[in-house]
Amino acid sequence: MASKLQAFWNHPAGPKTIHFWAPTFKWGISIANIADFAKPPEKISYPQQVAVACTGVVWSRYSMVITPKNWNLFSVNVAMAGTGLYQLSRKIRQDYFSDEKETAPSLEG
C-alpha cells in the first residue's frame, strides 16, 4: 500500500503538481452543474452550457494525447461535457419541444 501511495505522490500528474490540483478544483464546476439539475429549464443559459460542454469535450481529448495521461483531467472533463450536454438538452426540450404554450397577457379590458 505504501508503494502505491508513494507512486501516486511522485507521479508527474500527482498532488505535488498543478496538473493534479487544477482538475481537482475544476470538479466544482461539474458539481455546481449537477446541483443546477434542480433548476427550472427557463433559468438555464445557452452560452454557459455550450461553454461547459465544449470545454469538456476539447479537454477530454487533450488529456488523452498528453504525456503522462492525466486521468483526473480526463474524468472531470467527461463530467463537464456530460452535465453541459444534459443541461442543453433540458433547455432545448423546454424551448422547442414543450407542449406548454405560454399565455400572452391579454390587452382587453
PDB file of N, CA and C in Angstrom:
ATOM      1  N   MET A   1       0.826  -1.194   0.000  1.00  0.00           N
ATOM      2  CA  MET A   1       0.000   0.000   0.000  1.00  0.00           C
ATOM      3  C   MET A   1       0.867   1.254   0.000  1.00  0.00           C
ATOM      4  N   ALA A   2       1.925   1.249   0.791  1.00  0.00           N
ATOM      5  CA  ALA A   2       2.797   2.416   0.890  1.00  0.00           C
ATOM      6  C   ALA A   2       3.462   2.712  -0.449  1.00  0.00           C
ATOM      7  N   SER A   3       3.811   1.661  -1.214  1.00  0.00           N
ATOM      8  CA  SER A   3       4.457   1.883  -2.501  1.00  0.00           C
ATOM      9  C   SER A   3       3.477   2.505  -3.501  1.00  0.00           C
ATOM     10  N   LYS A   4       2.194   2.127  -3.430  1.00  0.00           N
ATOM     11  CA  LYS A   4       1.186   2.733  -4.314  1.00  0.00           C
ATOM     12  C   LYS A   4       0.961   4.191  -3.955  1.00  0.00           C
ATOM     13  N   LEU A   5       0.936   4.485  -2.672  1.00  0.00           N
ATOM     14  CA  LEU A   5       0.771   5.862  -2.228  1.00  0.00           C
ATOM     15  C   LEU A   5       1.982   6.699  -2.634  1.00  0.00           C
ATOM     16  N   GLN A   6       3.162   6.141  -2.492  1.00  0.00           N
ATOM     17  CA  GLN A   6       4.377   6.848  -2.882  1.00  0.00           C
ATOM     18  C   GLN A   6       4.420   7.067  -4.402  1.00  0.00           C
ATOM     19  N   ALA A   7       3.975   6.072  -5.181  1.00  0.00           N
ATOM     20  CA  ALA A   7       3.927   6.218  -6.638  1.00  0.00           C
ATOM     21  C   ALA A   7       2.939   7.319  -7.017  1.00  0.00           C
ATOM     22  N   PHE A   8       1.780   7.355  -6.349  1.00  0.00           N
ATOM     23  CA  PHE A   8       0.791   8.417  -6.600  1.00  0.00           C
ATOM     24  C   PHE A   8       1.369   9.779  -6.243  1.00  0.00           C
ATOM     25  N   TRP A   9       2.019   9.870  -5.088  1.00  0.00           N
ATOM     26  CA  TRP A   9       2.579  11.134  -4.617  1.00  0.00           C
ATOM     27  C   TRP A   9       3.645  11.662  -5.583  1.00  0.00           C
ATOM     28  N   ASN A  10       4.453  10.771  -6.136  1.00  0.00           N
ATOM     29  CA  ASN A  10       5.563  11.180  -7.004  1.00  0.00           C
ATOM     30  C   ASN A  10       5.220  11.163  -8.494  1.00  0.00           C
ATOM     31  N   HIS A  11       3.986  10.857  -8.842  1.00  0.00           N
ATOM     32  CA  HIS A  11       3.565  10.818 -10.249  1.00  0.00           C
ATOM     33  C   HIS A  11       3.689  12.210 -10.872  1.00  0.00           C
ATOM     34  N   PRO A  12       4.050  12.295 -12.173  1.00  0.00           N
ATOM     35  CA  PRO A  12       4.170  13.611 -12.825  1.00  0.00           C
ATOM     36  C   PRO A  12       2.869  14.420 -12.816  1.00  0.00           C
ATOM     37  N   ALA A  13       1.727  13.774 -12.635  1.00  0.00           N
ATOM     38  CA  ALA A  13       0.453  14.489 -12.506  1.00  0.00           C
ATOM     39  C   ALA A  13      -0.118  14.285 -11.102  1.00  0.00           C
ATOM     40  N   GLY A  14       0.765  14.078 -10.141  1.00  0.00           N
ATOM     41  CA  GLY A  14       0.349  13.820  -8.763  1.00  0.00           C
ATOM     42  C   GLY A  14       0.122  15.094  -7.972  1.00  0.00           C
ATOM     43  N   PRO A  15      -0.181  14.941  -6.680  1.00  0.00           N
ATOM     44  CA  PRO A  15      -0.572  16.088  -5.856  1.00  0.00           C
ATOM     45  C   PRO A  15       0.517  17.124  -5.596  1.00  0.00           C
ATOM     46  N   LYS A  16       1.730  16.857  -6.016  1.00  0.00           N
ATOM     47  CA  LYS A  16       2.779  17.868  -5.869  1.00  0.00           C
ATOM     48  C   LYS A  16       2.823  18.810  -7.073  1.00  0.00           C
ATOM     49  N   THR A  17       1.886  18.651  -8.010  1.00  0.00           N
ATOM     50  CA  THR A  17       1.916  19.454  -9.238  1.00  0.00           C
ATOM     51  C   THR A  17       0.582  20.144  -9.483  1.00  0.00           C
ATOM     52  N   ILE A  18       0.608  21.171 -10.316  1.00  0.00           N
ATOM     53  CA  ILE A  18      -0.616  21.859 -10.733  1.00  0.00           C
ATOM     54  C   ILE A  18      -1.480  20.939 -11.587  1.00  0.00           C
ATOM     55  N   HIS A  19      -0.863  19.946 -12.212  1.00  0.00           N
ATOM     56  CA  HIS A  19      -1.594  19.018 -13.081  1.00  0.00           C
ATOM     57  C   HIS A  19      -2.573  18.155 -12.296  1.00  0.00           C
ATOM     58  N   PHE A  20      -2.408  18.120 -11.000  1.00  0.00           N
ATOM     59  CA  PHE A  20      -3.359  17.421 -10.134  1.00  0.00           C
ATOM     60  C   PHE A  20      -4.406  18.394  -9.605  1.00  0.00           C
ATOM     61  N   TRP A  21      -3.966  19.544  -9.106  1.00  0.00           N
ATOM     62  CA  TRP A  21      -4.868  20.448  -8.402  1.00  0.00           C
ATOM     63  C   TRP A  21      -5.821  21.196  -9.322  1.00  0.00           C
ATOM     64  N   ALA A  22      -5.407  21.562 -10.515  1.00  0.00           N
ATOM     65  CA  ALA A  22      -6.315  22.284 -11.431  1.00  0.00           C
ATOM     66  C   ALA A  22      -7.552  21.445 -11.753  1.00  0.00           C
ATOM     67  N   PRO A  23      -7.391  20.188 -12.211  1.00  0.00           N
ATOM     68  CA  PRO A  23      -8.601  19.407 -12.468  1.00  0.00           C
ATOM     69  C   PRO A  23      -9.388  19.081 -11.202  1.00  0.00           C
ATOM     70  N   THR A  24      -8.699  18.946 -10.082  1.00  0.00           N
ATOM     71  CA  THR A  24      -9.396  18.645  -8.832  1.00  0.00           C
ATOM     72  C   THR A  24     -10.354  19.781  -8.476  1.00  0.00           C
ATOM     73  N   PHE A  25      -9.895  21.017  -8.587  1.00  0.00           N
ATOM     74  CA  PHE A  25     -10.769  22.150  -8.289  1.00  0.00           C
ATOM     75  C   PHE A  25     -11.805  22.373  -9.393  1.00  0.00           C
ATOM     76  N   LYS A  26     -11.505  21.924 -10.596  1.00  0.00           N
ATOM     77  CA  LYS A  26     -12.456  22.044 -11.705  1.00  0.00           C
ATOM     78  C   LYS A  26     -13.702  21.188 -11.454  1.00  0.00           C
ATOM     79  N   TRP A  27     -13.597  20.191 -10.585  1.00  0.00           N
ATOM     80  CA  TRP A  27     -14.763  19.386 -10.230  1.00  0.00           C
ATOM     81  C   TRP A  27     -15.874  20.266  -9.669  1.00  0.00           C
ATOM     82  N   GLY A  28     -15.521  21.411  -9.098  1.00  0.00           N
ATOM     83  CA  GLY A  28     -16.527  22.329  -8.561  1.00  0.00           C
ATOM     84  C   GLY A  28     -17.522  22.776  -9.617  1.00  0.00           C
ATOM     85  N   ILE A  29     -17.058  22.954 -10.854  1.00  0.00           N
ATOM     86  CA  ILE A  29     -17.950  23.359 -11.946  1.00  0.00           C
ATOM     87  C   ILE A  29     -18.945  22.246 -12.235  1.00  0.00           C
ATOM     88  N   SER A  30     -18.450  21.023 -12.310  1.00  0.00           N
ATOM     89  CA  SER A  30     -19.348  19.892 -12.580  1.00  0.00           C
ATOM     90  C   SER A  30     -20.340  19.683 -11.439  1.00  0.00           C
ATOM     91  N   ILE A  31     -19.883  19.829 -10.222  1.00  0.00           N
ATOM     92  CA  ILE A  31     -20.768  19.667  -9.064  1.00  0.00           C
ATOM     93  C   ILE A  31     -21.839  20.760  -9.070  1.00  0.00           C
ATOM     94  N   ALA A  32     -21.451  21.989  -9.388  1.00  0.00           N
ATOM     95  CA  ALA A  32     -22.435  23.077  -9.471  1.00  0.00           C
ATOM     96  C   ALA A  32     -23.438  22.809 -10.582  1.00  0.00           C
ATOM     97  N   ASN A  33     -22.968  22.270 -11.697  1.00  0.00           N
ATOM     98  CA  ASN A  33     -23.864  21.963 -12.806  1.00  0.00           C
ATOM     99  C   ASN A  33     -24.848  20.853 -12.414  1.00  0.00           C
ATOM    100  N   ILE A  34     -24.375  19.871 -11.658  1.00  0.00           N
ATOM    101  CA  ILE A  34     -25.265  18.817 -11.169  1.00  0.00           C
ATOM    102  C   ILE A  34     -26.294  19.410 -10.209  1.00  0.00           C
ATOM    103  N   ALA A  35     -25.880  20.321  -9.348  1.00  0.00           N
ATOM    104  CA  ALA A  35     -26.821  20.974  -8.436  1.00  0.00           C
ATOM    105  C   ALA A  35     -27.873  21.755  -9.218  1.00  0.00           C
ATOM    106  N   ASP A  36     -27.499  22.273 -10.377  1.00  0.00           N
ATOM    107  CA  ASP A  36     -28.438  23.036 -11.208  1.00  0.00           C
ATOM    108  C   ASP A  36     -29.447  22.157 -11.932  1.00  0.00           C
ATOM    109  N   PHE A  37     -29.329  20.842 -11.830  1.00  0.00           N
ATOM    110  CA  PHE A  37     -30.334  19.960 -12.430  1.00  0.00           C
ATOM    111  C   PHE A  37     -31.710  20.238 -11.825  1.00  0.00           C
ATOM    112  N   ALA A  38     -31.738  20.754 -10.606  1.00  0.00           N
ATOM    113  CA  ALA A  38     -32.999  21.055  -9.940  1.00  0.00           C
ATOM    114  C   ALA A  38     -33.596  22.381 -10.417  1.00  0.00           C
ATOM    115  N   LYS A  39     -32.803  23.195 -11.106  1.00  0.00           N
ATOM    116  CA  LYS A  39     -33.291  24.479 -11.614  1.00  0.00           C
ATOM    117  C   LYS A  39     -34.311  24.264 -12.714  1.00  0.00           C
ATOM    118  N   PRO A  40     -35.271  25.159 -12.828  1.00  0.00           N
ATOM    119  CA  PRO A  40     -36.181  25.054 -13.966  1.00  0.00           C
ATOM    120  C   PRO A  40     -35.419  25.358 -15.261  1.00  0.00           C
ATOM    121  N   PRO A  41     -35.780  24.706 -16.356  1.00  0.00           N
ATOM    122  CA  PRO A  41     -35.051  24.904 -17.613  1.00  0.00           C
ATOM    123  C   PRO A  41     -35.022  26.347 -18.102  1.00  0.00           C
ATOM    124  N   GLU A  42     -36.018  27.144 -17.710  1.00  0.00           N
ATOM    125  CA  GLU A  42     -36.038  28.546 -18.135  1.00  0.00           C
ATOM    126  C   GLU A  42     -34.828  29.315 -17.624  1.00  0.00           C
ATOM    127  N   LYS A  43     -34.239  28.863 -16.540  1.00  0.00           N
ATOM    128  CA  LYS A  43     -33.104  29.560 -15.930  1.00  0.00           C
ATOM    129  C   LYS A  43     -31.751  29.103 -16.477  1.00  0.00           C
ATOM    130  N   ILE A  44     -31.753  28.134 -17.375  1.00  0.00           N
ATOM    131  CA  ILE A  44     -30.502  27.616 -17.939  1.00  0.00           C
ATOM    132  C   ILE A  44     -30.017  28.568 -19.025  1.00  0.00           C
ATOM    133  N   SER A  45     -28.721  28.828 -19.037  1.00  0.00           N
ATOM    134  CA  SER A  45     -28.115  29.738 -20.008  1.00  0.00           C
ATOM    135  C   SER A  45     -27.481  28.939 -21.150  1.00  0.00           C
ATOM    136  N   TYR A  46     -27.919  29.229 -22.378  1.00  0.00           N
ATOM    137  CA  TYR A  46     -27.306  28.565 -23.533  1.00  0.00           C
ATOM    138  C   TYR A  46     -25.800  28.831 -23.609  1.00  0.00           C
ATOM    139  N   PRO A  47     -25.350  30.089 -23.558  1.00  0.00           N
ATOM    140  CA  PRO A  47     -23.898  30.324 -23.682  1.00  0.00           C
ATOM    141  C   PRO A  47     -23.073  29.618 -22.602  1.00  0.00           C
ATOM    142  N   GLN A  48     -23.574  29.629 -21.378  1.00  0.00           N
ATOM    143  CA  GLN A  48     -22.839  28.984 -20.290  1.00  0.00           C
ATOM    144  C   GLN A  48     -22.728  27.489 -20.522  1.00  0.00           C
ATOM    145  N   GLN A  49     -23.821  26.840 -20.884  1.00  0.00           N
ATOM    146  CA  GLN A  49     -23.811  25.389 -21.038  1.00  0.00           C
ATOM    147  C   GLN A  49     -23.069  24.951 -22.301  1.00  0.00           C
ATOM    148  N   VAL A  50     -23.107  25.763 -23.347  1.00  0.00           N
ATOM    149  CA  VAL A  50     -22.299  25.462 -24.540  1.00  0.00           C
ATOM    150  C   VAL A  50     -20.818  25.526 -24.168  1.00  0.00           C
ATOM    151  N   ALA A  51     -20.450  26.539 -23.381  1.00  0.00           N
ATOM    152  CA  ALA A  51     -19.050  26.668 -22.951  1.00  0.00           C
ATOM    153  C   ALA A  51     -18.632  25.483 -22.090  1.00  0.00           C
ATOM    154  N   VAL A  52     -19.476  25.067 -21.158  1.00  0.00           N
ATOM    155  CA  VAL A  52     -19.155  23.929 -20.285  1.00  0.00           C
ATOM    156  C   VAL A  52     -19.013  22.653 -21.111  1.00  0.00           C
ATOM    157  N   ALA A  53     -19.969  22.414 -22.018  1.00  0.00           N
ATOM    158  CA  ALA A  53     -19.936  21.189 -22.825  1.00  0.00           C
ATOM    159  C   ALA A  53     -18.729  21.168 -23.762  1.00  0.00           C
ATOM    160  N   CYS A  54     -18.474  22.269 -24.453  1.00  0.00           N
ATOM    161  CA  CYS A  54     -17.338  22.318 -25.390  1.00  0.00           C
ATOM    162  C   CYS A  54     -16.004  22.195 -24.662  1.00  0.00           C
ATOM    163  N   THR A  55     -15.894  22.860 -23.523  1.00  0.00           N
ATOM    164  CA  THR A  55     -14.671  22.735 -22.720  1.00  0.00           C
ATOM    165  C   THR A  55     -14.445  21.285 -22.336  1.00  0.00           C
ATOM    166  N   GLY A  56     -15.500  20.622 -21.908  1.00  0.00           N
ATOM    167  CA  GLY A  56     -15.387  19.219 -21.524  1.00  0.00           C
ATOM    168  C   GLY A  56     -14.940  18.333 -22.665  1.00  0.00           C
ATOM    169  N   VAL A  57     -15.523  18.528 -23.842  1.00  0.00           N
ATOM    170  CA  VAL A  57     -15.164  17.693 -24.998  1.00  0.00           C
ATOM    171  C   VAL A  57     -13.718  17.932 -25.424  1.00  0.00           C
ATOM    172  N   VAL A  58     -13.347  19.200 -25.580  1.00  0.00           N
ATOM    173  CA  VAL A  58     -11.997  19.537 -26.058  1.00  0.00           C
ATOM    174  C   VAL A  58     -10.931  19.044 -25.090  1.00  0.00           C
ATOM    175  N   TRP A  59     -11.106  19.331 -23.794  1.00  0.00           N
ATOM    176  CA  TRP A  59     -10.079  18.964 -22.827  1.00  0.00           C
ATOM    177  C   TRP A  59     -10.063  17.471 -22.516  1.00  0.00           C
ATOM    178  N   SER A  60     -11.184  16.786 -22.718  1.00  0.00           N
ATOM    179  CA  SER A  60     -11.163  15.323 -22.572  1.00  0.00           C
ATOM    180  C   SER A  60     -10.231  14.719 -23.610  1.00  0.00           C
ATOM    181  N   ARG A  61     -10.351  15.198 -24.819  1.00  0.00           N
ATOM    182  CA  ARG A  61      -9.478  14.707 -25.893  1.00  0.00           C
ATOM    183  C   ARG A  61      -8.017  15.057 -25.596  1.00  0.00           C
ATOM    184  N   TYR A  62      -7.773  16.301 -25.214  1.00  0.00           N
ATOM    185  CA  TYR A  62      -6.407  16.744 -24.940  1.00  0.00           C
ATOM    186  C   TYR A  62      -5.768  15.921 -23.824  1.00  0.00           C
ATOM    187  N   SER A  63      -6.535  15.593 -22.799  1.00  0.00           N
ATOM    188  CA  SER A  63      -5.970  14.865 -21.660  1.00  0.00           C
ATOM    189  C   SER A  63      -5.507  13.466 -22.042  1.00  0.00           C
ATOM    190  N   MET A  64      -5.974  12.953 -23.172  1.00  0.00           N
ATOM    191  CA  MET A  64      -5.557  11.619 -23.616  1.00  0.00           C
ATOM    192  C   MET A  64      -4.368  11.653 -24.576  1.00  0.00           C
ATOM    193  N   VAL A  65      -3.991  12.821 -25.081  1.00  0.00           N
ATOM    194  CA  VAL A  65      -2.852  12.882 -26.002  1.00  0.00           C
ATOM    195  C   VAL A  65      -1.591  13.421 -25.342  1.00  0.00           C
ATOM    196  N   ILE A  66      -1.718  13.962 -24.136  1.00  0.00           N
ATOM    197  CA  ILE A  66      -0.528  14.455 -23.437  1.00  0.00           C
ATOM    198  C   ILE A  66       0.162  13.305 -22.712  1.00  0.00           C
ATOM    199  N   THR A  67       1.416  13.514 -22.377  1.00  0.00           N
ATOM    200  CA  THR A  67       2.175  12.534 -21.621  1.00  0.00           C
ATOM    201  C   THR A  67       2.626  13.193 -20.331  1.00  0.00           C
ATOM    202  N   PRO A  68       2.392  12.587 -19.190  1.00  0.00           N
ATOM    203  CA  PRO A  68       1.662  11.351 -18.951  1.00  0.00           C
ATOM    204  C   PRO A  68       0.161  11.616 -19.039  1.00  0.00           C
ATOM    205  N   LYS A  69      -0.594  10.573 -19.294  1.00  0.00           N
ATOM    206  CA  LYS A  69      -2.045  10.714 -19.336  1.00  0.00           C
ATOM    207  C   LYS A  69      -2.522  11.172 -17.951  1.00  0.00           C
ATOM    208  N   ASN A  70      -3.409  12.149 -17.979  1.00  0.00           N
ATOM    209  CA  ASN A  70      -3.920  12.703 -16.728  1.00  0.00           C
ATOM    210  C   ASN A  70      -5.386  12.269 -16.585  1.00  0.00           C
ATOM    211  N   TRP A  71      -5.602  11.197 -15.837  1.00  0.00           N
ATOM    212  CA  TRP A  71      -6.940  10.627 -15.705  1.00  0.00           C
ATOM    213  C   TRP A  71      -7.873  11.519 -14.901  1.00  0.00           C
ATOM    214  N   ASN A  72      -7.331  12.288 -13.984  1.00  0.00           N
ATOM    215  CA  ASN A  72      -8.142  13.245 -13.236  1.00  0.00           C
ATOM    216  C   ASN A  72      -8.680  14.314 -14.193  1.00  0.00           C
ATOM    217  N   LEU A  73      -7.828  14.822 -15.065  1.00  0.00           N
ATOM    218  CA  LEU A  73      -8.248  15.818 -16.059  1.00  0.00           C
ATOM    219  C   LEU A  73      -9.276  15.221 -17.014  1.00  0.00           C
ATOM    220  N   PHE A  74      -9.052  13.992 -17.432  1.00  0.00           N
ATOM    221  CA  PHE A  74      -9.984  13.322 -18.337  1.00  0.00           C
ATOM    222  C   PHE A  74     -11.360  13.158 -17.682  1.00  0.00           C
ATOM    223  N   SER A  75     -11.380  12.638 -16.454  1.00  0.00           N
ATOM    224  CA  SER A  75     -12.663  12.357 -15.812  1.00  0.00           C
ATOM    225  C   SER A  75     -13.460  13.619 -15.517  1.00  0.00           C
ATOM    226  N   VAL A  76     -12.796  14.678 -15.066  1.00  0.00           N
ATOM    227  CA  VAL A  76     -13.534  15.910 -14.776  1.00  0.00           C
ATOM    228  C   VAL A  76     -14.104  16.504 -16.061  1.00  0.00           C
ATOM    229  N   ASN A  77     -13.384  16.387 -17.161  1.00  0.00           N
ATOM    230  CA  ASN A  77     -13.887  16.952 -18.408  1.00  0.00           C
ATOM    231  C   ASN A  77     -14.978  16.102 -19.044  1.00  0.00           C
ATOM    232  N   VAL A  78     -14.940  14.798 -18.849  1.00  0.00           N
ATOM    233  CA  VAL A  78     -16.060  13.960 -19.285  1.00  0.00           C
ATOM    234  C   VAL A  78     -17.305  14.354 -18.487  1.00  0.00           C
ATOM    235  N   ALA A  79     -17.139  14.585 -17.189  1.00  0.00           N
ATOM    236  CA  ALA A  79     -18.264  15.018 -16.355  1.00  0.00           C
ATOM    237  C   ALA A  79     -18.776  16.379 -16.810  1.00  0.00           C
ATOM    238  N   MET A  80     -17.865  17.290 -17.141  1.00  0.00           N
ATOM    239  CA  MET A  80     -18.297  18.608 -17.617  1.00  0.00           C
ATOM    240  C   MET A  80     -19.064  18.494 -18.927  1.00  0.00           C
ATOM    241  N   ALA A  81     -18.550  17.703 -19.868  1.00  0.00           N
ATOM    242  CA  ALA A  81     -19.242  17.524 -21.151  1.00  0.00           C
ATOM    243  C   ALA A  81     -20.615  16.910 -20.924  1.00  0.00           C
ATOM    244  N   GLY A  82     -20.679  15.898 -20.082  1.00  0.00           N
ATOM    245  CA  GLY A  82     -21.951  15.223 -19.823  1.00  0.00           C
ATOM    246  C   GLY A  82     -22.975  16.130 -19.174  1.00  0.00           C
ATOM    247  N   THR A  83     -22.569  16.863 -18.143  1.00  0.00           N
ATOM    248  CA  THR A  83     -23.529  17.739 -17.470  1.00  0.00           C
ATOM    249  C   THR A  83     -23.935  18.905 -18.365  1.00  0.00           C
ATOM    250  N   GLY A  84     -22.992  19.434 -19.129  1.00  0.00           N
ATOM    251  CA  GLY A  84     -23.322  20.533 -20.048  1.00  0.00           C
ATOM    252  C   GLY A  84     -24.283  20.091 -21.130  1.00  0.00           C
ATOM    253  N   LEU A  85     -24.041  18.913 -21.704  1.00  0.00           N
ATOM    254  CA  LEU A  85     -24.935  18.402 -22.748  1.00  0.00           C
ATOM    255  C   LEU A  85     -26.317  18.078 -22.176  1.00  0.00           C
ATOM    256  N   TYR A  86     -26.358  17.547 -20.972  1.00  0.00           N
ATOM    257  CA  TYR A  86     -27.653  17.264 -20.341  1.00  0.00           C
ATOM    258  C   TYR A  86     -28.434  18.557 -20.107  1.00  0.00           C
ATOM    259  N   GLN A  87     -27.754  19.577 -19.592  1.00  0.00           N
ATOM    260  CA  GLN A  87     -28.430  20.856 -19.350  1.00  0.00           C
ATOM    261  C   GLN A  87     -28.919  21.463 -20.666  1.00  0.00           C
ATOM    262  N   LEU A  88     -28.101  21.374 -21.710  1.00  0.00           N
ATOM    263  CA  LEU A  88     -28.533  21.880 -23.021  1.00  0.00           C
ATOM    264  C   LEU A  88     -29.753  21.116 -23.520  1.00  0.00           C
ATOM    265  N   SER A  89     -29.780  19.805 -23.317  1.00  0.00           N
ATOM    266  CA  SER A  89     -30.933  19.021 -23.765  1.00  0.00           C
ATOM    267  C   SER A  89     -32.192  19.429 -23.011  1.00  0.00           C
ATOM    268  N   ARG A  90     -32.065  19.715 -21.727  1.00  0.00           N
ATOM    269  CA  ARG A  90     -33.218  20.180 -20.954  1.00  0.00           C
ATOM    270  C   ARG A  90     -33.739  21.507 -21.492  1.00  0.00           C
ATOM    271  N   LYS A  91     -32.810  22.424 -21.784  1.00  0.00           N
ATOM    272  CA  LYS A  91     -33.186  23.752 -22.273  1.00  0.00           C
ATOM    273  C   LYS A  91     -33.830  23.657 -23.657  1.00  0.00           C
ATOM    274  N   ILE A  92     -33.244  22.857 -24.537  1.00  0.00           N
ATOM    275  CA  ILE A  92     -33.777  22.699 -25.896  1.00  0.00           C
ATOM    276  C   ILE A  92     -35.153  22.043 -25.856  1.00  0.00           C
ATOM    277  N   ARG A  93     -35.305  21.009 -25.034  1.00  0.00           N
ATOM    278  CA  ARG A  93     -36.623  20.363 -24.910  1.00  0.00           C
ATOM    279  C   ARG A  93     -37.674  21.353 -24.433  1.00  0.00           C
ATOM    280  N   GLN A  94     -37.310  22.182 -23.476  1.00  0.00           N
ATOM    281  CA  GLN A  94     -38.256  23.146 -22.930  1.00  0.00           C
ATOM    282  C   GLN A  94     -38.568  24.240 -23.955  1.00  0.00           C
ATOM    283  N   ASP A  95     -37.559  24.727 -24.675  1.00  0.00           N
ATOM    284  CA  ASP A  95     -37.756  25.832 -25.607  1.00  0.00           C
ATOM    285  C   ASP A  95     -38.422  25.418 -26.910  1.00  0.00           C
ATOM    286  N   TYR A  96     -38.145  24.214 -27.387  1.00  0.00           N
ATOM    287  CA  TYR A  96     -38.601  23.845 -28.725  1.00  0.00           C
ATOM    288  C   TYR A  96     -39.575  22.670 -28.782  1.00  0.00           C
ATOM    289  N   PHE A  97     -39.625  21.851 -27.762  1.00  0.00           N
ATOM    290  CA  PHE A  97     -40.455  20.650 -27.831  1.00  0.00           C
ATOM    291  C   PHE A  97     -41.488  20.558 -26.720  1.00  0.00           C
ATOM    292  N   SER A  98     -41.615  21.602 -25.950  1.00  0.00           N
ATOM    293  CA  SER A  98     -42.555  21.588 -24.836  1.00  0.00           C
ATOM    294  C   SER A  98     -43.977  21.787 -25.354  1.00  0.00           C
ATOM    295  N   ASP A  99     -44.916  21.065 -24.762  1.00  0.00           N
ATOM    296  CA  ASP A  99     -46.322  21.211 -25.132  1.00  0.00           C
ATOM    297  C   ASP A  99     -46.963  22.411 -24.451  1.00  0.00           C
ATOM    298  N   GLU A 100     -46.281  22.906 -23.428  1.00  0.00           N
ATOM    299  CA  GLU A 100     -46.832  24.052 -22.706  1.00  0.00           C
ATOM    300  C   GLU A 100     -46.726  25.298 -23.569  1.00  0.00           C
ATOM    301  N   LYS A 101     -47.831  25.965 -23.743  1.00  0.00           N
ATOM    302  CA  LYS A 101     -47.851  27.210 -24.505  1.00  0.00           C
ATOM    303  C   LYS A 101     -47.890  28.359 -23.495  1.00  0.00           C
ATOM    304  N   GLU A 102     -47.005  29.315 -23.695  1.00  0.00           N
ATOM    305  CA  GLU A 102     -47.027  30.470 -22.824  1.00  0.00           C
ATOM    306  C   GLU A 102     -48.228  31.322 -23.190  1.00  0.00           C
ATOM    307  N   THR A 103     -48.950  31.718 -22.188  1.00  0.00           N
ATOM    308  CA  THR A 103     -50.115  32.561 -22.459  1.00  0.00           C
ATOM    309  C   THR A 103     -49.675  34.017 -22.446  1.00  0.00           C
ATOM    310  N   ALA A 104     -49.988  34.703 -23.527  1.00  0.00           N
ATOM    311  CA  ALA A 104     -49.655  36.125 -23.624  1.00  0.00           C
ATOM    312  C   ALA A 104     -50.660  36.914 -22.803  1.00  0.00           C
ATOM    313  N   PRO A 105     -50.199  37.944 -22.171  1.00  0.00           N
ATOM    314  CA  PRO A 105     -51.137  38.761 -21.390  1.00  0.00           C
ATOM    315  C   PRO A 105     -52.166  39.404 -22.329  1.00  0.00           C
ATOM    316  N   SER A 106     -53.372  39.410 -21.883  1.00  0.00           N
ATOM    317  CA  SER A 106     -54.456  39.954 -22.685  1.00  0.00           C
ATOM    318  C   SER A 106     -54.445  41.484 -22.630  1.00  0.00           C
ATOM    319  N   LEU A 107     -54.702  42.101 -23.773  1.00  0.00           N
ATOM    320  CA  LEU A 107     -54.765  43.552 -23.846  1.00  0.00           C
ATOM    321  C   LEU A 107     -56.195  44.061 -23.696  1.00  0.00           C
ATOM    322  N   GLU A 108     -57.113  43.148 -23.530  1.00  0.00           N
ATOM    323  CA  GLU A 108     -58.509  43.543 -23.388  1.00  0.00           C
ATOM    324  C   GLU A 108     -58.796  44.002 -21.962  1.00  0.00           C
ATOM    325  N   GLY A 109     -59.667  44.955 -21.880  1.00  0.00           N
ATOM    326  CA  GLY A 109     -60.271  45.377 -20.657  1.00  0.00           C
ATOM    327  C   GLY A 109     -59.422  45.886 -19.624  1.00  0.00           C
TER     328      GLY A 109
END
